[in-house]
N, C-alpha and C. Protein backbone atom coordinates (compact mmCIF):
# COMPACT_ATOMS: atom_id res chain seq x y z
N UNK A 1 -12.28 11.86 -58.96
CA UNK A 1 -12.96 10.70 -58.37
C UNK A 1 -12.23 10.21 -57.12
N UNK A 2 -10.91 10.18 -57.21
CA UNK A 2 -10.10 9.74 -56.07
C UNK A 2 -10.30 10.66 -54.87
N UNK A 3 -10.39 11.99 -55.16
CA UNK A 3 -10.60 12.95 -54.09
C UNK A 3 -11.95 12.75 -53.42
N UNK A 4 -12.96 12.42 -54.24
CA UNK A 4 -14.31 12.19 -53.71
C UNK A 4 -14.33 10.97 -52.80
N UNK A 5 -13.68 9.89 -53.28
CA UNK A 5 -13.61 8.65 -52.50
C UNK A 5 -12.88 8.90 -51.19
N UNK A 6 -11.79 9.68 -51.27
CA UNK A 6 -11.01 9.98 -50.07
C UNK A 6 -11.85 10.78 -49.07
N UNK A 7 -12.61 11.75 -49.60
CA UNK A 7 -13.46 12.59 -48.73
C UNK A 7 -14.53 11.75 -48.05
N UNK A 8 -15.13 10.83 -48.79
CA UNK A 8 -16.15 9.94 -48.24
C UNK A 8 -15.55 9.05 -47.15
N UNK A 9 -14.35 8.54 -47.40
CA UNK A 9 -13.68 7.68 -46.44
C UNK A 9 -13.38 8.43 -45.15
N UNK A 10 -12.93 9.68 -45.28
CA UNK A 10 -12.61 10.49 -44.10
C UNK A 10 -13.88 10.78 -43.30
N UNK A 11 -14.94 11.14 -44.03
CA UNK A 11 -16.22 11.44 -43.36
C UNK A 11 -16.74 10.21 -42.62
N UNK A 12 -16.66 9.06 -43.28
CA UNK A 12 -17.14 7.81 -42.67
C UNK A 12 -16.35 7.47 -41.42
N UNK A 13 -15.04 7.67 -41.49
CA UNK A 13 -14.17 7.38 -40.34
C UNK A 13 -14.52 8.28 -39.15
N UNK A 14 -14.69 9.58 -39.43
CA UNK A 14 -15.02 10.52 -38.37
C UNK A 14 -16.38 10.20 -37.77
N UNK A 15 -17.35 9.90 -38.63
CA UNK A 15 -18.70 9.59 -38.17
C UNK A 15 -18.71 8.33 -37.30
N UNK A 16 -17.95 7.32 -37.74
CA UNK A 16 -17.88 6.07 -36.99
C UNK A 16 -17.21 6.29 -35.64
N UNK A 17 -16.16 7.12 -35.62
CA UNK A 17 -15.44 7.40 -34.38
C UNK A 17 -16.35 8.10 -33.38
N UNK A 18 -17.11 9.08 -33.86
CA UNK A 18 -18.02 9.82 -32.98
C UNK A 18 -19.09 8.90 -32.42
N UNK A 19 -19.61 8.03 -33.30
CA UNK A 19 -20.66 7.11 -32.86
C UNK A 19 -20.14 6.11 -31.84
N UNK A 20 -18.91 5.63 -32.06
CA UNK A 20 -18.31 4.68 -31.11
C UNK A 20 -18.07 5.36 -29.78
N UNK A 21 -17.61 6.62 -29.83
CA UNK A 21 -17.36 7.36 -28.60
C UNK A 21 -18.65 7.57 -27.83
N UNK A 22 -19.72 7.93 -28.57
CA UNK A 22 -21.01 8.14 -27.93
C UNK A 22 -21.57 6.84 -27.39
N UNK A 23 -21.41 5.77 -28.18
CA UNK A 23 -21.91 4.47 -27.75
C UNK A 23 -21.21 4.02 -26.47
N UNK A 24 -19.92 4.27 -26.40
CA UNK A 24 -19.15 3.90 -25.21
C UNK A 24 -19.65 4.68 -24.01
N UNK A 25 -19.93 5.99 -24.23
CA UNK A 25 -20.39 6.83 -23.14
C UNK A 25 -21.77 6.39 -22.67
N UNK A 26 -22.59 5.87 -23.59
CA UNK A 26 -23.95 5.47 -23.25
C UNK A 26 -24.04 4.13 -22.54
N UNK A 27 -22.96 3.40 -22.52
CA UNK A 27 -22.99 2.06 -21.95
C UNK A 27 -23.09 2.11 -20.43
N UNK A 28 -24.21 1.62 -19.92
CA UNK A 28 -24.41 1.55 -18.48
C UNK A 28 -24.12 0.12 -18.03
N UNK A 29 -23.19 -0.02 -17.11
CA UNK A 29 -22.80 -1.34 -16.63
C UNK A 29 -23.06 -1.46 -15.14
N UNK A 30 -23.48 -2.62 -14.72
CA UNK A 30 -23.72 -2.84 -13.30
C UNK A 30 -22.64 -3.76 -12.75
N UNK A 31 -22.05 -3.34 -11.65
CA UNK A 31 -21.06 -4.18 -10.99
C UNK A 31 -20.99 -3.80 -9.51
N UNK A 32 -20.76 -4.78 -8.70
CA UNK A 32 -20.62 -4.58 -7.25
C UNK A 32 -21.79 -3.82 -6.63
N UNK A 33 -22.98 -4.07 -7.18
CA UNK A 33 -24.17 -3.47 -6.59
C UNK A 33 -24.42 -2.03 -6.95
N UNK A 34 -23.78 -1.54 -8.05
CA UNK A 34 -23.98 -0.16 -8.47
C UNK A 34 -23.89 -0.07 -10.00
N UNK A 35 -24.34 1.05 -10.54
CA UNK A 35 -24.32 1.27 -11.99
C UNK A 35 -23.23 2.27 -12.36
N UNK A 36 -22.57 2.00 -13.49
CA UNK A 36 -21.46 2.84 -13.92
C UNK A 36 -21.59 3.21 -15.40
N UNK A 37 -21.13 4.41 -15.73
CA UNK A 37 -20.98 4.85 -17.11
C UNK A 37 -19.58 5.42 -17.23
N UNK A 38 -18.78 4.85 -18.14
CA UNK A 38 -17.40 5.33 -18.29
C UNK A 38 -16.64 5.32 -16.97
N UNK A 39 -16.87 4.30 -16.17
CA UNK A 39 -16.23 4.13 -14.87
C UNK A 39 -16.66 5.16 -13.83
N UNK A 40 -17.70 5.92 -14.13
CA UNK A 40 -18.29 6.85 -13.16
C UNK A 40 -19.55 6.22 -12.59
N UNK A 41 -19.63 6.13 -11.28
CA UNK A 41 -20.83 5.58 -10.67
C UNK A 41 -21.99 6.55 -10.88
N UNK A 42 -23.13 6.01 -11.23
CA UNK A 42 -24.32 6.82 -11.50
C UNK A 42 -25.39 6.49 -10.47
N UNK A 43 -25.82 7.51 -9.75
CA UNK A 43 -26.92 7.35 -8.80
C UNK A 43 -27.88 8.51 -9.00
N UNK A 44 -29.10 8.19 -9.40
CA UNK A 44 -30.14 9.22 -9.54
C UNK A 44 -31.50 8.55 -9.36
N UNK A 45 -32.56 9.14 -9.89
CA UNK A 45 -33.89 8.59 -9.70
C UNK A 45 -34.07 7.24 -10.40
N UNK A 46 -33.22 6.96 -11.40
CA UNK A 46 -33.35 5.72 -12.17
C UNK A 46 -32.33 4.65 -11.80
N UNK A 47 -31.19 5.06 -11.31
CA UNK A 47 -30.13 4.11 -10.99
C UNK A 47 -29.79 4.19 -9.51
N UNK A 48 -29.77 3.04 -8.86
CA UNK A 48 -29.52 3.02 -7.43
C UNK A 48 -28.38 2.07 -7.07
N UNK A 49 -27.93 2.18 -5.84
CA UNK A 49 -26.96 1.23 -5.30
C UNK A 49 -27.72 0.29 -4.38
N UNK A 50 -27.25 -0.93 -4.28
CA UNK A 50 -27.94 -1.92 -3.47
C UNK A 50 -27.76 -1.61 -1.97
N UNK A 51 -28.62 -2.13 -1.12
CA UNK A 51 -28.53 -1.83 0.32
C UNK A 51 -27.20 -2.20 0.95
N UNK A 52 -26.50 -3.16 0.34
CA UNK A 52 -25.24 -3.62 0.93
C UNK A 52 -24.01 -3.04 0.23
N UNK A 53 -24.26 -2.04 -0.64
CA UNK A 53 -23.14 -1.42 -1.34
C UNK A 53 -22.24 -0.69 -0.36
N UNK A 54 -20.95 -0.98 -0.43
CA UNK A 54 -19.97 -0.31 0.42
C UNK A 54 -18.91 0.31 -0.49
N UNK A 55 -18.83 1.63 -0.54
CA UNK A 55 -17.84 2.26 -1.42
C UNK A 55 -16.43 2.07 -0.90
N UNK A 56 -15.50 1.85 -1.81
CA UNK A 56 -14.10 1.81 -1.42
C UNK A 56 -13.68 3.22 -1.04
N UNK A 57 -12.65 3.36 -0.24
CA UNK A 57 -12.21 4.71 0.16
C UNK A 57 -11.95 5.60 -1.06
N UNK A 58 -12.60 6.75 -1.10
CA UNK A 58 -12.47 7.67 -2.23
C UNK A 58 -11.47 8.76 -1.86
N UNK A 59 -10.20 8.38 -1.84
CA UNK A 59 -9.16 9.29 -1.39
C UNK A 59 -9.01 10.51 -2.31
N UNK A 60 -9.15 10.30 -3.61
CA UNK A 60 -9.03 11.42 -4.54
C UNK A 60 -10.07 12.49 -4.25
N UNK A 61 -11.29 12.03 -4.01
CA UNK A 61 -12.37 12.97 -3.73
C UNK A 61 -12.14 13.70 -2.41
N UNK A 62 -11.75 12.96 -1.39
CA UNK A 62 -11.51 13.58 -0.08
C UNK A 62 -10.36 14.57 -0.14
N UNK A 63 -9.27 14.18 -0.81
CA UNK A 63 -8.11 15.07 -0.90
C UNK A 63 -8.43 16.32 -1.72
N UNK A 64 -9.21 16.14 -2.79
CA UNK A 64 -9.61 17.29 -3.61
C UNK A 64 -10.49 18.24 -2.80
N UNK A 65 -11.36 17.68 -1.99
CA UNK A 65 -12.23 18.50 -1.15
C UNK A 65 -11.43 19.30 -0.12
N UNK A 66 -10.48 18.62 0.51
CA UNK A 66 -9.63 19.30 1.49
C UNK A 66 -8.85 20.44 0.85
N UNK A 67 -8.30 20.19 -0.33
CA UNK A 67 -7.53 21.22 -1.03
C UNK A 67 -8.42 22.39 -1.41
N UNK A 68 -9.62 22.09 -1.89
CA UNK A 68 -10.54 23.15 -2.29
C UNK A 68 -10.92 24.03 -1.09
N UNK A 69 -11.22 23.40 0.03
CA UNK A 69 -11.58 24.16 1.24
C UNK A 69 -10.40 25.01 1.71
N UNK A 70 -9.20 24.45 1.63
CA UNK A 70 -7.99 25.18 2.02
C UNK A 70 -7.76 26.39 1.12
N UNK A 71 -7.87 26.18 -0.20
CA UNK A 71 -7.66 27.28 -1.14
C UNK A 71 -8.73 28.36 -0.97
N UNK A 72 -9.95 27.94 -0.72
CA UNK A 72 -11.04 28.90 -0.50
C UNK A 72 -10.75 29.75 0.73
N UNK A 73 -10.28 29.10 1.77
CA UNK A 73 -9.97 29.81 3.02
C UNK A 73 -8.85 30.83 2.79
N UNK A 74 -7.85 30.44 2.01
CA UNK A 74 -6.74 31.35 1.72
C UNK A 74 -7.19 32.57 0.92
N UNK A 75 -8.33 32.42 0.24
CA UNK A 75 -8.88 33.53 -0.55
C UNK A 75 -9.98 34.29 0.19
N UNK A 76 -10.20 33.92 1.45
CA UNK A 76 -11.16 34.64 2.26
C UNK A 76 -12.57 34.06 2.27
N UNK A 77 -12.70 32.80 1.85
CA UNK A 77 -14.02 32.16 1.83
C UNK A 77 -14.02 30.95 2.76
N UNK A 78 -15.02 30.86 3.60
CA UNK A 78 -15.09 29.78 4.59
C UNK A 78 -16.09 28.71 4.16
N UNK A 79 -15.60 27.53 3.89
CA UNK A 79 -16.45 26.40 3.53
C UNK A 79 -16.32 25.31 4.59
N UNK A 80 -17.44 24.73 4.96
CA UNK A 80 -17.42 23.62 5.91
C UNK A 80 -18.20 22.46 5.32
N UNK A 81 -17.87 21.25 5.74
CA UNK A 81 -18.59 20.06 5.29
C UNK A 81 -19.72 19.78 6.27
N UNK A 82 -20.94 19.69 5.77
CA UNK A 82 -22.06 19.39 6.66
C UNK A 82 -22.62 17.99 6.43
N UNK A 83 -22.19 17.36 5.33
CA UNK A 83 -22.63 15.98 5.09
C UNK A 83 -21.72 15.32 4.07
N UNK A 84 -21.41 14.06 4.31
CA UNK A 84 -20.57 13.30 3.38
C UNK A 84 -21.19 11.95 3.09
N UNK A 85 -20.44 10.91 3.34
CA UNK A 85 -20.95 9.56 3.08
C UNK A 85 -22.10 9.21 4.02
N UNK A 86 -23.13 8.58 3.46
CA UNK A 86 -24.24 8.07 4.25
C UNK A 86 -24.48 6.62 3.89
N UNK A 87 -24.70 5.81 4.88
CA UNK A 87 -25.04 4.41 4.64
C UNK A 87 -26.50 4.33 4.18
N UNK A 88 -26.88 3.17 3.69
CA UNK A 88 -28.27 2.94 3.27
C UNK A 88 -29.22 3.20 4.44
N UNK A 89 -28.84 2.71 5.62
CA UNK A 89 -29.69 2.86 6.80
C UNK A 89 -29.83 4.33 7.19
N UNK A 90 -28.73 5.08 7.15
CA UNK A 90 -28.78 6.49 7.51
C UNK A 90 -29.64 7.28 6.52
N UNK A 91 -29.51 6.95 5.23
CA UNK A 91 -30.33 7.62 4.24
C UNK A 91 -31.80 7.30 4.43
N UNK A 92 -32.09 6.07 4.81
CA UNK A 92 -33.47 5.66 5.04
C UNK A 92 -34.08 6.44 6.20
N UNK A 93 -33.31 6.58 7.27
CA UNK A 93 -33.80 7.33 8.44
C UNK A 93 -34.02 8.79 8.09
N UNK A 94 -33.08 9.36 7.33
CA UNK A 94 -33.17 10.77 6.96
C UNK A 94 -34.38 11.02 6.06
N UNK A 95 -34.56 10.17 5.07
CA UNK A 95 -35.67 10.33 4.14
C UNK A 95 -37.01 10.17 4.86
N UNK A 96 -37.10 9.19 5.72
CA UNK A 96 -38.34 8.97 6.48
C UNK A 96 -38.67 10.16 7.38
N UNK A 97 -37.63 10.79 7.92
CA UNK A 97 -37.84 11.97 8.76
C UNK A 97 -38.43 13.11 7.93
N UNK A 98 -37.88 13.29 6.71
CA UNK A 98 -38.39 14.34 5.84
C UNK A 98 -39.84 14.07 5.42
N UNK A 99 -40.14 12.81 5.18
CA UNK A 99 -41.50 12.43 4.79
C UNK A 99 -42.48 12.75 5.91
N UNK A 100 -42.09 12.43 7.13
CA UNK A 100 -42.96 12.72 8.27
C UNK A 100 -43.16 14.22 8.44
N UNK A 101 -42.13 14.99 8.12
CA UNK A 101 -42.20 16.44 8.32
C UNK A 101 -42.95 17.15 7.19
N UNK A 102 -42.64 16.77 5.93
CA UNK A 102 -43.18 17.52 4.79
C UNK A 102 -44.09 16.72 3.87
N UNK A 103 -44.23 15.42 4.10
CA UNK A 103 -45.02 14.61 3.19
C UNK A 103 -44.14 14.02 2.10
N UNK A 104 -44.59 12.92 1.50
CA UNK A 104 -43.78 12.19 0.52
C UNK A 104 -43.41 13.01 -0.70
N UNK A 105 -44.38 13.65 -1.34
CA UNK A 105 -44.11 14.36 -2.58
C UNK A 105 -43.13 15.51 -2.38
N UNK A 106 -43.29 16.27 -1.31
CA UNK A 106 -42.37 17.39 -1.05
C UNK A 106 -40.98 16.85 -0.71
N UNK A 107 -40.93 15.80 0.10
CA UNK A 107 -39.65 15.23 0.50
C UNK A 107 -38.84 14.75 -0.71
N UNK A 108 -39.52 14.22 -1.70
CA UNK A 108 -38.84 13.68 -2.88
C UNK A 108 -38.23 14.76 -3.76
N UNK A 109 -38.61 16.02 -3.57
CA UNK A 109 -38.03 17.10 -4.37
C UNK A 109 -36.64 17.49 -3.90
N UNK A 110 -36.32 17.17 -2.64
CA UNK A 110 -35.02 17.58 -2.12
C UNK A 110 -34.24 16.46 -1.44
N UNK A 111 -34.85 15.30 -1.32
CA UNK A 111 -34.15 14.17 -0.70
C UNK A 111 -34.38 12.91 -1.52
N UNK A 112 -33.43 12.01 -1.47
CA UNK A 112 -33.53 10.77 -2.24
C UNK A 112 -33.94 9.61 -1.35
N UNK A 113 -34.70 8.71 -1.92
CA UNK A 113 -35.05 7.50 -1.20
C UNK A 113 -33.79 6.66 -0.99
N UNK A 114 -33.75 5.84 0.04
CA UNK A 114 -32.56 5.02 0.29
C UNK A 114 -32.20 4.17 -0.93
N UNK A 115 -30.92 4.21 -1.27
CA UNK A 115 -30.46 3.50 -2.46
C UNK A 115 -30.26 4.44 -3.64
N UNK A 116 -30.98 5.57 -3.62
CA UNK A 116 -30.94 6.51 -4.73
C UNK A 116 -30.21 7.81 -4.38
N UNK A 117 -29.45 7.79 -3.31
CA UNK A 117 -28.72 8.99 -2.89
C UNK A 117 -27.26 8.91 -3.28
N UNK A 118 -26.75 10.00 -3.87
CA UNK A 118 -25.33 10.06 -4.22
C UNK A 118 -24.43 10.00 -2.99
N UNK A 119 -24.96 10.38 -1.86
CA UNK A 119 -24.16 10.35 -0.64
C UNK A 119 -23.72 8.93 -0.29
N UNK A 120 -24.39 7.95 -0.82
CA UNK A 120 -24.03 6.56 -0.55
C UNK A 120 -22.83 6.10 -1.36
N UNK A 121 -22.36 6.95 -2.28
CA UNK A 121 -21.21 6.59 -3.11
C UNK A 121 -19.88 7.00 -2.49
N UNK A 122 -19.92 7.93 -1.55
CA UNK A 122 -18.67 8.46 -1.00
C UNK A 122 -18.05 9.53 -1.87
N UNK A 123 -18.76 9.94 -2.93
CA UNK A 123 -18.25 10.95 -3.86
C UNK A 123 -19.03 12.26 -3.79
N UNK A 124 -20.06 12.31 -2.96
CA UNK A 124 -20.89 13.51 -2.86
C UNK A 124 -20.77 14.12 -1.47
N UNK A 125 -20.78 15.45 -1.46
CA UNK A 125 -20.66 16.18 -0.19
C UNK A 125 -21.60 17.38 -0.20
N UNK A 126 -22.13 17.67 0.97
CA UNK A 126 -22.87 18.91 1.16
C UNK A 126 -21.96 19.87 1.91
N UNK A 127 -21.78 21.06 1.36
CA UNK A 127 -20.93 22.05 2.01
C UNK A 127 -21.75 23.30 2.30
N UNK A 128 -21.27 24.10 3.21
CA UNK A 128 -21.95 25.34 3.57
C UNK A 128 -20.93 26.31 4.13
N UNK A 129 -21.39 27.44 4.58
CA UNK A 129 -20.52 28.40 5.24
C UNK A 129 -20.82 28.36 6.74
N UNK A 130 -19.89 28.79 7.57
CA UNK A 130 -20.09 28.74 9.02
C UNK A 130 -21.41 29.39 9.44
N UNK A 131 -22.08 28.75 10.38
CA UNK A 131 -23.36 29.27 10.85
C UNK A 131 -24.54 28.58 10.21
N UNK A 132 -24.28 27.87 9.11
CA UNK A 132 -25.34 27.14 8.44
C UNK A 132 -25.16 25.65 8.70
N UNK A 133 -26.24 24.99 9.03
CA UNK A 133 -26.16 23.55 9.20
C UNK A 133 -27.19 22.88 8.30
N UNK A 134 -27.38 21.59 8.50
CA UNK A 134 -28.28 20.81 7.64
C UNK A 134 -29.69 21.40 7.59
N UNK A 135 -30.15 21.96 8.70
CA UNK A 135 -31.53 22.43 8.78
C UNK A 135 -31.79 23.74 8.02
N UNK A 136 -30.74 24.53 7.81
CA UNK A 136 -30.94 25.81 7.11
C UNK A 136 -29.95 25.98 5.95
N UNK A 137 -29.54 24.88 5.36
CA UNK A 137 -28.55 24.95 4.29
C UNK A 137 -29.07 25.65 3.04
N UNK A 138 -30.41 25.81 2.91
CA UNK A 138 -30.98 26.51 1.76
C UNK A 138 -30.48 27.95 1.69
N UNK A 139 -30.06 28.50 2.83
CA UNK A 139 -29.56 29.87 2.87
C UNK A 139 -28.17 30.00 2.23
N UNK A 140 -27.53 28.88 1.98
CA UNK A 140 -26.17 28.91 1.43
C UNK A 140 -26.12 29.61 0.09
N UNK A 141 -27.18 29.51 -0.71
CA UNK A 141 -27.18 30.10 -2.05
C UNK A 141 -27.00 31.62 -2.03
N UNK A 142 -27.25 32.24 -0.91
CA UNK A 142 -27.14 33.70 -0.82
C UNK A 142 -25.79 34.16 -0.28
N UNK A 143 -24.87 33.24 -0.08
CA UNK A 143 -23.57 33.59 0.49
C UNK A 143 -22.51 33.77 -0.59
N UNK A 144 -21.44 34.47 -0.21
CA UNK A 144 -20.32 34.65 -1.12
C UNK A 144 -19.61 33.32 -1.37
N UNK A 145 -19.68 32.43 -0.39
CA UNK A 145 -19.07 31.10 -0.56
C UNK A 145 -19.75 30.30 -1.66
N UNK A 146 -21.06 30.45 -1.77
CA UNK A 146 -21.80 29.75 -2.81
C UNK A 146 -21.35 30.18 -4.19
N UNK A 147 -21.16 31.49 -4.36
CA UNK A 147 -20.68 32.03 -5.65
C UNK A 147 -19.28 31.52 -5.93
N UNK A 148 -18.42 31.49 -4.93
CA UNK A 148 -17.06 31.00 -5.13
C UNK A 148 -17.08 29.53 -5.55
N UNK A 149 -17.92 28.75 -4.88
CA UNK A 149 -18.02 27.32 -5.20
C UNK A 149 -18.49 27.12 -6.63
N UNK A 150 -19.48 27.88 -7.03
CA UNK A 150 -20.01 27.79 -8.39
C UNK A 150 -18.93 28.08 -9.42
N UNK A 151 -18.07 29.04 -9.12
CA UNK A 151 -17.04 29.47 -10.07
C UNK A 151 -15.77 28.62 -10.04
N UNK A 152 -15.56 27.87 -8.96
CA UNK A 152 -14.27 27.21 -8.80
C UNK A 152 -14.30 25.70 -8.57
N UNK A 153 -15.43 25.13 -8.21
CA UNK A 153 -15.47 23.71 -7.85
C UNK A 153 -14.91 22.79 -8.93
N UNK A 154 -15.18 23.12 -10.19
CA UNK A 154 -14.73 22.24 -11.29
C UNK A 154 -13.21 22.18 -11.42
N UNK A 155 -12.52 23.21 -10.94
CA UNK A 155 -11.05 23.19 -11.00
C UNK A 155 -10.48 22.12 -10.06
N UNK A 156 -11.29 21.65 -9.15
CA UNK A 156 -10.87 20.62 -8.19
C UNK A 156 -11.52 19.27 -8.49
N UNK A 157 -12.28 19.22 -9.58
CA UNK A 157 -12.89 17.95 -9.98
C UNK A 157 -14.33 17.77 -9.52
N UNK A 158 -14.96 18.84 -9.02
CA UNK A 158 -16.33 18.75 -8.53
C UNK A 158 -17.30 19.50 -9.44
N UNK A 159 -18.54 19.06 -9.42
CA UNK A 159 -19.61 19.78 -10.11
C UNK A 159 -20.74 20.04 -9.11
N UNK A 160 -21.49 21.12 -9.36
CA UNK A 160 -22.73 21.33 -8.62
C UNK A 160 -23.71 20.33 -9.22
N UNK A 161 -24.03 19.30 -8.47
CA UNK A 161 -24.76 18.17 -9.04
C UNK A 161 -26.18 18.51 -9.48
N UNK A 162 -26.84 19.41 -8.73
CA UNK A 162 -28.22 19.75 -9.06
C UNK A 162 -28.32 21.26 -9.33
N UNK A 163 -27.92 21.67 -10.54
CA UNK A 163 -27.84 23.11 -10.85
C UNK A 163 -29.21 23.76 -11.07
N UNK A 164 -29.20 25.07 -10.98
CA UNK A 164 -30.42 25.85 -11.17
C UNK A 164 -30.85 25.80 -12.63
N UNK A 165 -32.15 25.64 -12.84
CA UNK A 165 -32.67 25.59 -14.20
C UNK A 165 -32.67 24.21 -14.82
N UNK A 166 -32.14 23.22 -14.11
CA UNK A 166 -32.05 21.86 -14.64
C UNK A 166 -32.88 20.88 -13.81
N UNK A 167 -33.81 21.42 -13.03
CA UNK A 167 -34.60 20.57 -12.12
C UNK A 167 -35.40 19.51 -12.85
N UNK A 168 -35.84 19.82 -14.07
CA UNK A 168 -36.63 18.85 -14.82
C UNK A 168 -35.79 17.66 -15.28
N UNK A 169 -34.48 17.85 -15.32
CA UNK A 169 -33.57 16.77 -15.74
C UNK A 169 -33.07 15.98 -14.54
N UNK A 170 -32.59 16.68 -13.52
CA UNK A 170 -32.05 15.99 -12.34
C UNK A 170 -33.17 15.45 -11.44
N UNK A 171 -34.35 16.06 -11.55
CA UNK A 171 -35.51 15.71 -10.71
C UNK A 171 -35.27 16.04 -9.24
N UNK A 172 -34.37 16.99 -9.01
CA UNK A 172 -34.12 17.51 -7.68
C UNK A 172 -34.16 19.03 -7.74
N UNK A 173 -34.52 19.65 -6.63
CA UNK A 173 -34.48 21.10 -6.55
C UNK A 173 -33.04 21.59 -6.65
N UNK A 174 -32.88 22.86 -6.93
CA UNK A 174 -31.55 23.47 -7.00
C UNK A 174 -30.84 23.32 -5.66
N UNK A 175 -29.65 22.71 -5.70
CA UNK A 175 -28.89 22.49 -4.47
C UNK A 175 -27.45 22.96 -4.68
N UNK A 176 -27.18 24.24 -4.47
CA UNK A 176 -25.82 24.76 -4.68
C UNK A 176 -24.80 24.23 -3.69
N UNK A 177 -25.29 23.57 -2.65
CA UNK A 177 -24.39 23.04 -1.62
C UNK A 177 -23.96 21.59 -1.90
N UNK A 178 -24.65 20.91 -2.83
CA UNK A 178 -24.38 19.50 -3.09
C UNK A 178 -23.40 19.36 -4.24
N UNK A 179 -22.19 18.91 -3.94
CA UNK A 179 -21.17 18.75 -4.97
C UNK A 179 -20.83 17.27 -5.16
N UNK A 180 -20.45 16.95 -6.38
CA UNK A 180 -20.13 15.56 -6.72
C UNK A 180 -18.77 15.53 -7.41
N UNK A 181 -17.91 14.62 -6.96
CA UNK A 181 -16.57 14.50 -7.55
C UNK A 181 -16.63 13.62 -8.79
N UNK A 182 -16.12 14.15 -9.91
CA UNK A 182 -16.05 13.38 -11.15
C UNK A 182 -14.66 13.44 -11.77
N UNK A 183 -13.75 14.19 -11.15
CA UNK A 183 -12.42 14.36 -11.71
C UNK A 183 -12.35 15.66 -12.52
N UNK A 184 -11.17 16.23 -12.61
CA UNK A 184 -11.00 17.54 -13.24
C UNK A 184 -11.42 17.58 -14.71
N UNK A 185 -11.00 16.59 -15.48
CA UNK A 185 -11.28 16.61 -16.92
C UNK A 185 -12.77 16.62 -17.20
N UNK A 186 -13.50 15.70 -16.56
CA UNK A 186 -14.93 15.63 -16.80
C UNK A 186 -15.65 16.83 -16.20
N UNK A 187 -15.22 17.27 -15.04
CA UNK A 187 -15.85 18.42 -14.39
C UNK A 187 -15.73 19.67 -15.26
N UNK A 188 -14.55 19.89 -15.84
CA UNK A 188 -14.34 21.06 -16.69
C UNK A 188 -15.26 21.02 -17.90
N UNK A 189 -15.38 19.85 -18.52
CA UNK A 189 -16.23 19.73 -19.71
C UNK A 189 -17.70 19.91 -19.35
N UNK A 190 -18.13 19.33 -18.25
CA UNK A 190 -19.52 19.44 -17.82
C UNK A 190 -19.89 20.90 -17.57
N UNK A 191 -19.03 21.62 -16.88
CA UNK A 191 -19.30 23.01 -16.55
C UNK A 191 -19.22 23.90 -17.80
N UNK A 192 -18.21 23.70 -18.61
CA UNK A 192 -18.05 24.53 -19.81
C UNK A 192 -19.22 24.37 -20.78
N UNK A 193 -19.82 23.20 -20.79
CA UNK A 193 -20.96 22.94 -21.69
C UNK A 193 -22.31 23.11 -20.98
N UNK A 194 -22.25 23.50 -19.70
CA UNK A 194 -23.47 23.73 -18.92
C UNK A 194 -24.39 22.50 -18.92
N UNK A 195 -23.82 21.37 -18.57
CA UNK A 195 -24.55 20.12 -18.59
C UNK A 195 -24.76 19.57 -17.18
N UNK A 196 -25.73 18.69 -17.07
CA UNK A 196 -25.88 17.89 -15.86
C UNK A 196 -25.16 16.57 -16.11
N UNK A 197 -25.01 15.76 -15.09
CA UNK A 197 -24.38 14.46 -15.27
C UNK A 197 -25.23 13.60 -16.20
N UNK A 198 -26.54 13.74 -16.10
CA UNK A 198 -27.44 12.97 -16.96
C UNK A 198 -27.26 13.34 -18.44
N UNK A 199 -27.11 14.62 -18.70
CA UNK A 199 -26.91 15.07 -20.08
C UNK A 199 -25.53 14.66 -20.58
N UNK A 200 -24.55 14.79 -19.75
CA UNK A 200 -23.17 14.49 -20.12
C UNK A 200 -23.01 13.03 -20.56
N UNK A 201 -23.70 12.14 -19.87
CA UNK A 201 -23.62 10.72 -20.20
C UNK A 201 -24.81 10.22 -21.00
N UNK A 202 -25.58 11.16 -21.57
CA UNK A 202 -26.72 10.80 -22.42
C UNK A 202 -27.68 9.83 -21.73
N UNK A 203 -28.05 10.15 -20.51
CA UNK A 203 -28.93 9.28 -19.75
C UNK A 203 -30.38 9.77 -19.74
N UNK A 204 -30.68 10.77 -20.57
CA UNK A 204 -32.04 11.29 -20.63
C UNK A 204 -32.63 11.09 -22.03
């Protein structure tokens, strides 16, 4: 009987711990004009930053990006930054340009409305290989640099934010050039479990 009681107590403790951990991860908090889960800012189709949101300098992300580009270069892969932080106004201009060019519905598959872009956080970057710019970045997926990024970005704390096969979850087309800094520990877990940020934080 004592063994049974002990087993029940252990099971209850483990179950409660897992639930508390999950509950903590599910907690979405709003502060300073943005939404956070586990101290990670969340920006997607459902969560936005306010027009006056100004990110504090994200030195960890910038330094990690510089190191990653340097290490890639030392291994024979050329990565360049084609887009980083965007203000609300810049995102608005960019999105409106895409709408004029391709129409609203098409534009929404690859660009975010102002307030809903990760680029406004200072933690997202678009990278490419030399010769590719913003207008033809879709070609990046066919380069050796794209494969290297896919295999190595998480070692530097980055994830491919909009992975292939997950379009129904992220609500964005596959973007192998768009990386998001989340830190090494979270990036490793996200990649090893083949998750999106939405899945990782139970936001779907």
